[in-house]
Amino acid sequence: MPAQQNNYSRNRAGVKFFVYFAGFVVKPFRMSESHRLKDQPANERPRERLVSRGPDALTHAELIAILLRTGLKGVNVIQVGQNLLQKFGSLNALALASVDEVRKIPGIGRDKAATLVAAFALARRMEQERREESPVLDQPETVVNFMRESNRLRNVESFQVLLLNTRKRLIRVEDIADGTLDTLLVHPREVFRAAILANAAGIVLVHNHPSGDPSPSEADIKVTRDLIRAGQLLKIEVVDHVIVGCATTERAKDYSSLRELGCFFA
């Protein structure tokens, strides 16, 4: 075949591949189309991965993509989700956005914006229900009953903070650090950042002793007093510090409360 009749043609929009066979031209294939979700293997698409692996396997943008369903020309729906997150900066900021604010993102019309706003509204209502049903955590026995199972099988020390409202009901549990408990791993800044963001009135400190002995160490006592002082400055009460261990024939309780042990002073 003469060189001038080669199989390639170029234009300003990009490279197209034409295949001539028996006088017919196959429809051009654009390279950008390979980024469309429908061109990806089914097991790589967000909806299918959610069904097979659960929602925790997906990124924020992929979860948003499932709600949006479709993107726009040249931009797939995951990229639209990424653009949303980049515009608002965080999920929390996006959750507070109005329909009109969300609609400013290319690829999101009224219906898609309304779907997102509705999803975040349901999440807030669910959280409110959960808070209203949360236990009162003002006694070490109640705290341990609530936290025992999550700490039972941990093989390293894990430091958690229970964020409480004014009635000492649980707002949520924050995981702060894993490893040996010392002032390098448990800093007041990390503990009280979560409390301030949650508008918590009080906190309960909880960590486990993998050895099974719930007796507090000197490091445990020092960290507790540091956090009490920080809480006093921020007007956030440190209600207790509970250490979870294991009960034995010689030790009836599987926990210790630093408040009950008289360690609770700044």
Protein backbone atom coordinates (compact mmCIF):
# COMPACT_ATOMS: atom_id res chain seq x y z
CA MET A 1 0.00 0.00 0.00
CA PRO A 2 1.46 3.46 -0.86
CA ALA A 3 2.85 5.49 2.05
CA GLN A 4 0.30 8.26 1.57
CA GLN A 5 -2.46 5.72 2.31
CA ASN A 6 -1.14 4.79 5.76
CA ASN A 7 -3.50 3.90 8.59
CA TYR A 8 -2.99 7.04 10.75
CA SER A 9 -4.62 10.45 10.66
CA ARG A 10 -4.11 13.39 13.00
CA ASN A 11 -6.27 16.38 13.87
CA ARG A 12 -6.18 19.16 16.44
CA ALA A 13 -8.39 17.32 18.94
CA GLY A 14 -5.86 14.52 19.42
CA VAL A 15 -4.80 11.24 17.88
CA LYS A 16 -7.39 9.03 16.25
CA PHE A 17 -6.78 5.58 14.86
CA PHE A 18 -8.53 4.65 11.64
CA VAL A 19 -8.51 1.14 10.34
CA TYR A 20 -9.33 0.70 6.69
CA PHE A 21 -10.52 -2.74 5.69
CA ALA A 22 -12.43 -3.68 2.55
CA GLY A 23 -13.45 -0.10 2.02
CA PHE A 24 -14.93 0.38 5.52
CA VAL A 25 -13.70 2.70 8.28
CA VAL A 26 -13.97 1.51 11.88
CA LYS A 27 -15.23 4.15 14.35
CA PRO A 28 -12.31 6.18 15.77
CA PHE A 29 -11.07 5.27 19.28
CA ARG A 30 -10.20 8.19 21.52
CA MET A 31 -7.55 7.58 24.18
CA SER A 32 -9.42 9.65 26.78
CA GLU A 33 -12.35 7.27 26.66
CA SER A 34 -10.32 4.61 28.48
CA HIS A 35 -10.90 6.58 31.68
CA ARG A 36 -14.65 6.07 31.58
CA LEU A 37 -15.94 3.83 34.36
CA LYS A 38 -17.95 1.72 31.95
CA ASP A 39 -14.73 0.87 30.12
CA GLN A 40 -13.10 -0.45 33.28
CA PRO A 41 -13.38 -4.09 34.38
CA ALA A 42 -16.58 -4.60 36.38
CA ASN A 43 -14.71 -5.63 39.53
CA GLU A 44 -12.83 -2.31 39.57
CA ARG A 45 -15.90 -0.07 39.49
CA PRO A 46 -16.92 1.58 42.79
CA ARG A 47 -20.43 0.11 43.01
CA GLU A 48 -19.25 -3.45 42.34
CA ARG A 49 -16.33 -3.09 44.78
CA LEU A 50 -18.69 -1.83 47.48
CA VAL A 51 -20.91 -4.88 47.03
CA SER A 52 -18.02 -7.35 47.04
CA ARG A 53 -15.65 -5.73 49.56
CA GLY A 54 -17.77 -3.33 51.61
CA PRO A 55 -17.82 0.48 51.80
CA ASP A 56 -14.60 0.74 53.81
CA ALA A 57 -12.65 -0.44 50.74
CA LEU A 58 -13.64 2.71 48.82
CA THR A 59 -12.16 6.19 48.92
CA HIS A 60 -14.25 9.27 49.76
CA ALA A 61 -14.36 10.17 46.07
CA GLU A 62 -15.54 6.69 45.08
CA LEU A 63 -18.36 6.74 47.65
CA ILE A 64 -19.45 10.13 46.37
CA ALA A 65 -19.28 8.77 42.81
CA ILE A 66 -21.84 6.09 43.67
CA LEU A 67 -24.28 8.79 44.76
CA LEU A 68 -23.61 10.95 41.68
CA ARG A 69 -23.86 7.96 39.28
CA THR A 70 -22.52 9.78 36.19
CA GLY A 71 -19.80 12.30 35.35
CA LEU A 72 -19.61 14.61 32.37
CA LYS A 73 -17.90 14.57 28.99
CA GLY A 74 -14.17 14.06 29.42
CA VAL A 75 -14.40 13.71 33.22
CA ASN A 76 -15.57 10.50 34.88
CA VAL A 77 -17.71 10.50 38.00
CA ILE A 78 -14.83 9.67 40.38
CA GLN A 79 -12.96 12.73 39.13
CA VAL A 80 -16.07 14.81 39.76
CA GLY A 81 -16.10 13.48 43.32
CA GLN A 82 -12.43 14.38 43.70
CA ASN A 83 -13.17 17.88 42.40
CA LEU A 84 -15.88 18.24 45.04
CA LEU A 85 -13.53 17.26 47.85
CA GLN A 86 -10.81 19.56 46.55
CA LYS A 87 -13.23 22.47 46.31
CA PHE A 88 -14.66 22.09 49.82
CA GLY A 89 -11.50 20.80 51.47
CA SER A 90 -13.08 18.11 53.66
CA LEU A 91 -16.10 15.86 54.00
CA ASN A 92 -17.32 17.93 56.93
CA ALA A 93 -17.30 21.12 54.86
CA LEU A 94 -19.04 19.33 51.99
CA ALA A 95 -21.66 17.97 54.40
CA LEU A 96 -22.53 21.54 55.44
CA ALA A 97 -22.83 22.84 51.87
CA SER A 98 -26.16 23.84 50.35
CA VAL A 99 -27.62 22.56 47.10
CA ASP A 100 -26.68 25.81 45.35
CA GLU A 101 -23.09 25.61 46.58
CA VAL A 102 -22.68 22.01 45.43
CA ARG A 103 -24.16 22.82 42.02
CA LYS A 104 -21.26 25.15 41.27
CA ILE A 105 -19.03 22.15 40.61
CA PRO A 106 -18.98 21.17 36.90
CA GLY A 107 -20.87 17.94 36.34
CA ILE A 108 -23.27 18.40 39.27
CA GLY A 109 -26.76 19.57 38.54
CA ARG A 110 -29.72 20.13 40.84
CA ASP A 111 -30.66 16.46 41.21
CA LYS A 112 -27.12 15.30 42.00
CA ALA A 113 -26.62 18.14 44.47
CA ALA A 114 -29.91 17.29 46.18
CA THR A 115 -28.86 13.63 46.44
CA LEU A 116 -25.61 14.58 48.17
CA VAL A 117 -27.27 17.02 50.56
CA ALA A 118 -29.91 14.41 51.43
CA ALA A 119 -27.25 11.75 52.10
CA PHE A 120 -25.35 14.00 54.50
CA ALA A 121 -28.58 15.04 56.21
CA LEU A 122 -29.46 11.39 56.85
CA ALA A 123 -25.98 10.82 58.28
CA ARG A 124 -26.45 13.73 60.72
CA ARG A 125 -29.86 12.45 61.80
CA MET A 126 -28.44 8.96 62.34
CA GLU A 127 -25.66 10.43 64.48
CA GLN A 128 -28.23 12.36 66.50
CA GLU A 129 -30.23 9.20 67.12
CA ARG A 130 -27.11 7.38 68.19
CA ARG A 131 -26.17 10.11 70.63
CA GLU A 132 -29.63 10.08 72.19
CA GLU A 133 -29.36 6.31 72.69
CA SER A 134 -25.74 6.37 73.93
CA PRO A 135 -24.97 5.13 77.44
CA VAL A 136 -24.15 7.38 80.38
CA LEU A 137 -20.44 6.83 81.02
CA ASP A 138 -19.91 8.35 84.46
CA GLN A 139 -18.82 5.17 86.28
CA PRO A 140 -15.73 3.03 85.59
CA GLU A 141 -17.80 -0.17 85.52
CA THR A 142 -19.99 1.28 82.76
CA VAL A 143 -16.95 2.44 80.82
CA VAL A 144 -15.32 -1.00 81.02
CA ASN A 145 -18.50 -2.78 80.01
CA PHE A 146 -18.67 -0.52 76.98
CA MET A 147 -15.01 -0.84 76.01
CA ARG A 148 -14.01 -4.32 77.21
CA GLU A 149 -14.53 -6.23 73.96
CA SER A 150 -12.72 -3.71 71.80
CA ASN A 151 -9.67 -3.94 74.08
CA ARG A 152 -9.69 -7.63 74.98
CA LEU A 153 -7.64 -8.97 72.05
CA ARG A 154 -5.22 -6.07 71.54
CA ASN A 155 -1.59 -7.15 71.92
CA VAL A 156 -0.23 -3.60 72.27
CA GLU A 157 -1.31 -0.73 74.45
CA SER A 158 -4.03 1.31 72.76
CA PHE A 159 -5.10 4.71 74.04
CA GLN A 160 -8.67 5.85 73.42
CA VAL A 161 -10.76 8.83 74.44
CA LEU A 162 -14.50 8.69 75.02
CA LEU A 163 -16.02 12.05 74.14
CA LEU A 164 -18.99 12.94 76.35
CA ASN A 165 -21.74 15.54 76.21
CA THR A 166 -22.92 17.60 79.18
CA ARG A 167 -24.96 14.65 80.45
CA LYS A 168 -21.93 12.36 80.21
CA ARG A 169 -23.45 10.45 77.34
CA LEU A 170 -21.13 9.16 74.65
CA ILE A 171 -20.63 11.28 71.54
CA ARG A 172 -18.05 8.97 70.00
CA VAL A 173 -14.84 7.04 70.64
CA GLU A 174 -11.54 8.42 69.33
CA ASP A 175 -8.46 6.19 68.87
CA ILE A 176 -5.44 8.29 69.80
CA ALA A 177 -2.33 6.09 69.88
CA ASP A 178 -1.02 2.53 69.79
CA GLY A 179 2.17 1.33 71.45
CA THR A 180 3.86 1.99 74.78
CA LEU A 181 2.05 4.71 76.68
CA ASP A 182 4.28 7.76 77.22
CA THR A 183 4.17 11.49 76.70
CA LEU A 184 5.59 11.15 73.19
CA LEU A 185 2.65 9.07 71.98
CA VAL A 186 -0.15 10.69 74.00
CA HIS A 187 -0.03 14.44 73.66
CA PRO A 188 -2.75 16.74 75.05
CA ARG A 189 -2.99 18.39 71.63
CA GLU A 190 -4.18 15.15 70.00
CA VAL A 191 -6.59 14.30 72.81
CA PHE A 192 -8.28 17.67 73.06
CA ARG A 193 -8.37 18.41 69.32
CA ALA A 194 -10.94 15.62 68.97
CA ALA A 195 -12.85 16.86 72.03
CA ILE A 196 -13.01 20.44 70.76
CA LEU A 197 -14.17 19.39 67.28
CA ALA A 198 -16.92 17.27 68.83
CA ASN A 199 -17.92 20.08 71.22
CA ALA A 200 -17.44 17.60 74.08
CA ALA A 201 -18.03 18.71 77.67
CA GLY A 202 -15.96 15.90 79.14
CA ILE A 203 -13.72 12.96 78.27
CA VAL A 204 -12.90 9.55 79.70
CA LEU A 205 -9.42 8.22 79.02
CA VAL A 206 -9.18 4.48 78.34
CA HIS A 207 -6.25 2.24 77.58
CA ASN A 208 -5.40 -1.42 77.95
CA HIS A 209 -2.53 -3.34 79.54
CA PRO A 210 -1.78 -6.39 77.37
CA SER A 211 0.00 -7.97 80.35
CA GLY A 212 -3.39 -8.24 82.04
CA ASP A 213 -2.40 -6.23 85.11
CA PRO A 214 -4.49 -3.03 85.11
CA SER A 215 -2.38 -1.31 87.78
CA PRO A 216 -1.28 2.16 86.57
CA SER A 217 2.37 2.82 85.82
CA GLU A 218 4.18 6.05 86.60
CA ALA A 219 3.79 7.00 82.93
CA ASP A 220 0.03 6.39 83.16
CA ILE A 221 -0.25 8.71 86.17
CA LYS A 222 1.93 11.41 84.61
CA VAL A 223 -0.03 11.43 81.35
CA THR A 224 -3.30 11.59 83.28
CA ARG A 225 -2.20 14.61 85.31
CA ASP A 226 -0.93 16.37 82.18
CA LEU A 227 -4.31 15.85 80.54
CA ILE A 228 -6.21 17.00 83.64
CA ARG A 229 -4.27 20.28 83.62
CA ALA A 230 -4.91 20.75 79.89
CA GLY A 231 -8.60 20.03 80.39
CA GLN A 232 -8.86 22.61 83.15
CA LEU A 233 -7.50 25.28 80.81
CA LEU A 234 -9.93 24.27 78.05
CA LYS A 235 -12.92 23.79 80.40
CA ILE A 236 -13.25 20.15 79.34
CA GLU A 237 -13.55 17.77 82.29
CA VAL A 238 -11.39 14.66 82.44
CA VAL A 239 -13.95 12.37 84.09
CA ASP A 240 -11.72 9.33 84.62
CA HIS A 241 -8.84 7.30 83.27
CA VAL A 242 -9.71 3.61 83.12
CA ILE A 243 -7.14 0.90 82.44
CA VAL A 244 -8.46 -2.41 81.11
CA GLY A 245 -6.68 -5.67 81.93
CA CYS A 246 -7.73 -9.21 82.88
CA ALA A 247 -9.33 -10.59 86.00
CA THR A 248 -7.61 -13.47 87.83
CA THR A 249 -8.33 -15.61 90.87
CA GLU A 250 -6.27 -13.13 92.91
CA ARG A 251 -7.74 -10.04 91.21
CA ALA A 252 -11.49 -9.81 90.89
CA LYS A 253 -11.57 -6.68 88.76
CA ASP A 254 -10.22 -6.60 85.22
CA TYR A 255 -9.73 -2.84 85.34
CA SER A 256 -8.53 0.03 87.48
CA SER A 257 -9.83 3.58 87.75
CA LEU A 258 -7.23 6.24 88.41
CA ARG A 259 -9.91 8.43 89.96
CA GLU A 260 -10.87 5.67 92.40
CA LEU A 261 -7.18 5.10 93.19
CA GLY A 262 -6.74 8.71 94.23
CA CYS A 263 -4.46 9.66 91.34
CA PHE A 264 -6.81 12.32 90.03
CA PHE A 265 -5.23 15.63 90.88
CA ALA A 266 -3.32 18.02 88.72
